[in-house]
Every structure is written in C-alpha cells, then in structure tokens.
Amino acid sequence: MEQPLTPNSNPQKPTKFTDPNALKKKLPTPQELISHYESQGLDTQEASLRVIGDLQTALFRVISSGRGRKDKLLAETSRKVDNTNNSLAILNMKLDSKPGYGESFAIGLASGLTFQGVQSVLPHVFKGFGDIWNSVRNVEKENP
C-alpha cells in the first residue's frame, strides 16, 4: 500500500528549511572563467583579456542601470564623496590664503609700529581739539 506524499518528502522542492546558500548560484572563480575561454580555443592571454572585458561590461551595466537599492546606495555614496571632496577643496583654499610665519611677523611688526606712531601723535591731536574747544567756548562767553 502506498503512502501519500508529505510536503517534506520531495527532496527537489526547496522549502523554507533548506539552506539559503544552497539555492544561490555559485559564481565562477577567475581561473574557471579563464579555463572556459581556453576550452573554446583561446590562449591564456586572450582568455584573460576576454574575462577582464566581460567583468568590465558587467560592472558598467550594474553602475549604469539606475535601478535598485544598491544603485541608490552607490548614488548616495557618490554624493557623499563629492561633498567631502568639495569641503576639502574649500578647506585647502582657506589654508592657502592664510599668511605664513614670515608674513605674520611682518604684519605684526607693521601694526606695532603703526600703533606706536599713533600713540605718539594722539596727545598732540587731543591738545589741538582741546584748544579748538576752548576757543569756541571763549567766543560764546564773550557774545551771549
């Protein structure tokens, strides 16, 4: 007497309990790809060039597809790299525009001499303003 089939009795049908790695297609190694092209009659160098060309084509298709979550991640990463590059360029420009040690010393020396010159002139300027103020006050006292 035959027994009815149970859902777990069919080994070919994948279930949720099977290993997920077993269901994934195994990618060929570079050596297997070269061996594949060598079996088609190409020598080792031509086979290597063909494998490199195939990989470049596949990479270009993935990058230029513009679909999927991975492409959004790639676009976001590219945007972040561009922003970082722009920030570094701005920082570099700011650092290049800052004076060096010699220039800073010259600026300090010039400002010190200027301050010392202004300090020696200020008493004379204030005395002149005081004389003008007193003259105006004296004229107002005489002419009410």
Protein backbone atom coordinates (compact mmCIF):
# COMPACT_ATOMS: atom_id res chain seq x y z
CA MET A 1 0.00 0.00 0.00
CA GLU A 2 1.32 3.44 -0.98
CA GLN A 3 1.54 6.23 1.50
CA PRO A 4 0.52 9.74 0.49
CA LEU A 5 3.31 12.22 -0.16
CA THR A 6 4.04 14.69 2.59
CA PRO A 7 5.31 18.20 1.84
CA ASN A 8 8.75 17.35 3.21
CA SER A 9 9.12 14.11 1.29
CA ASN A 10 10.08 15.74 -2.06
CA PRO A 11 13.85 16.45 -1.87
CA GLN A 12 13.97 18.55 -5.10
CA LYS A 13 11.40 21.08 -3.97
CA PRO A 14 13.04 23.80 -1.84
CA THR A 15 11.39 24.62 1.45
CA LYS A 16 11.91 27.36 3.95
CA PHE A 17 14.05 24.97 5.98
CA THR A 18 16.64 24.39 3.26
CA ASP A 19 19.99 26.17 3.34
CA PRO A 20 19.70 29.55 1.56
CA ASN A 21 23.31 29.30 0.38
CA ALA A 22 22.44 26.09 -1.47
CA LEU A 23 19.83 27.91 -3.54
CA LYS A 24 22.18 30.70 -4.61
CA LYS A 25 24.04 30.28 -7.86
CA LYS A 26 27.76 29.86 -7.25
CA LEU A 27 29.85 32.44 -9.08
CA PRO A 28 32.74 31.03 -11.11
CA THR A 29 36.27 31.81 -9.99
CA PRO A 30 38.59 33.76 -12.28
CA GLN A 31 40.52 30.58 -13.03
CA GLU A 32 37.29 28.80 -14.06
CA LEU A 33 36.41 31.70 -16.39
CA ILE A 34 39.86 31.59 -17.99
CA SER A 35 39.58 27.79 -18.34
CA HIS A 36 36.19 28.23 -20.03
CA TYR A 37 37.63 30.55 -22.68
CA GLU A 38 40.73 28.37 -23.10
CA SER A 39 38.44 25.42 -23.79
CA GLN A 40 36.98 27.47 -26.67
CA GLY A 41 40.42 27.63 -28.29
CA LEU A 42 41.85 30.88 -26.93
CA ASP A 43 45.32 31.05 -25.45
CA THR A 44 45.83 32.17 -21.84
CA GLN A 45 46.42 35.86 -22.59
CA GLU A 46 43.41 36.15 -24.92
CA ALA A 47 41.24 34.30 -22.39
CA SER A 48 42.38 36.65 -19.61
CA LEU A 49 41.60 39.69 -21.75
CA ARG A 50 38.16 38.28 -22.57
CA VAL A 51 37.44 37.68 -18.85
CA ILE A 52 38.54 41.22 -17.98
CA GLY A 53 36.35 42.61 -20.77
CA ASP A 54 33.35 40.63 -19.55
CA LEU A 55 33.87 41.84 -15.99
CA GLN A 56 34.16 45.46 -17.13
CA THR A 57 30.97 45.12 -19.15
CA ALA A 58 29.12 43.62 -16.20
CA LEU A 59 30.41 46.36 -13.89
CA PHE A 60 29.34 49.06 -16.34
CA ARG A 61 25.85 47.54 -16.58
CA VAL A 62 25.49 47.50 -12.80
CA ILE A 63 26.67 51.09 -12.44
CA SER A 64 24.59 52.49 -15.30
CA SER A 65 21.39 50.53 -14.61
CA GLY A 66 19.95 53.22 -12.30
CA ARG A 67 17.61 50.82 -10.53
CA GLY A 68 17.50 49.08 -7.21
CA ARG A 69 18.64 49.73 -3.69
CA LYS A 70 22.30 49.13 -4.47
CA ASP A 71 22.24 51.88 -7.09
CA LYS A 72 20.67 54.26 -4.58
CA LEU A 73 23.45 53.37 -2.15
CA LEU A 74 26.03 53.94 -4.89
CA ALA A 75 24.48 57.31 -5.76
CA GLU A 76 24.32 58.33 -2.11
CA THR A 77 27.93 57.26 -1.57
CA SER A 78 28.98 59.16 -4.68
CA ARG A 79 27.17 62.26 -3.43
CA LYS A 80 28.87 61.98 -0.04
CA VAL A 81 32.27 61.59 -1.67
CA ASP A 82 31.60 64.68 -3.81
CA ASN A 83 30.54 66.70 -0.75
CA THR A 84 33.64 65.60 1.14
CA ASN A 85 35.83 66.45 -1.82
CA ASN A 86 34.25 69.92 -2.09
CA SER A 87 34.72 70.52 1.65
CA LEU A 88 38.37 69.53 1.41
CA ALA A 89 38.86 71.82 -1.59
CA ILE A 90 37.34 74.76 0.32
CA LEU A 91 39.49 73.99 3.37
CA ASN A 92 42.56 73.78 1.16
CA MET A 93 41.76 77.18 -0.41
CA LYS A 94 41.33 78.71 3.06
CA LEU A 95 44.65 77.31 4.23
CA ASP A 96 46.40 78.55 1.10
CA SER A 97 45.04 82.07 1.65
CA LYS A 98 46.39 82.29 5.24
CA PRO A 99 49.71 84.14 5.70
CA GLY A 100 52.81 82.16 6.60
CA TYR A 101 55.17 82.73 9.53
CA GLY A 102 57.22 85.43 7.81
CA GLU A 103 54.14 87.26 6.57
CA SER A 104 52.55 87.10 10.03
CA PHE A 105 55.72 88.54 11.59
CA ALA A 106 55.79 91.38 9.06
CA ILE A 107 52.10 92.17 9.70
CA GLY A 108 52.70 92.23 13.47
CA LEU A 109 55.75 94.44 13.11
CA ALA A 110 53.91 96.90 10.87
CA SER A 111 50.88 97.04 13.18
CA GLY A 112 53.14 97.59 16.22
CA LEU A 113 54.95 100.45 14.54
CA THR A 114 51.66 101.96 13.44
CA PHE A 115 50.24 101.75 16.96
CA GLN A 116 53.40 103.29 18.40
CA GLY A 117 53.20 106.12 15.86
CA VAL A 118 49.54 106.78 16.61
CA GLN A 119 50.25 106.69 20.34
CA SER A 120 52.93 109.35 20.00
CA VAL A 121 50.68 111.57 17.84
CA LEU A 122 47.50 111.23 19.93
CA PRO A 123 48.47 113.67 22.71
CA HIS A 124 49.10 116.39 20.13
CA VAL A 125 45.78 115.70 18.41
CA PHE A 126 43.86 115.81 21.70
CA LYS A 127 45.64 119.05 22.66
CA GLY A 128 44.58 120.57 19.34
CA PHE A 129 40.95 119.52 19.81
CA GLY A 130 41.06 120.93 23.37
CA ASP A 131 42.40 124.27 22.08
CA ILE A 132 39.64 124.46 19.47
CA TRP A 133 37.00 123.65 22.11
CA ASN A 134 38.30 126.31 24.49
CA SER A 135 38.38 128.91 21.70
CA VAL A 136 34.75 128.21 20.80
CA ARG A 137 33.74 128.40 24.48
CA ASN A 138 35.55 131.69 24.96
CA VAL A 139 33.84 133.21 21.90
CA GLU A 140 30.41 132.13 23.20
CA LYS A 141 31.11 133.65 26.63
CA GLU A 142 32.03 136.99 25.11
CA ASN A 143 29.00 137.09 22.77
CA PRO A 144 25.88 135.99 24.65
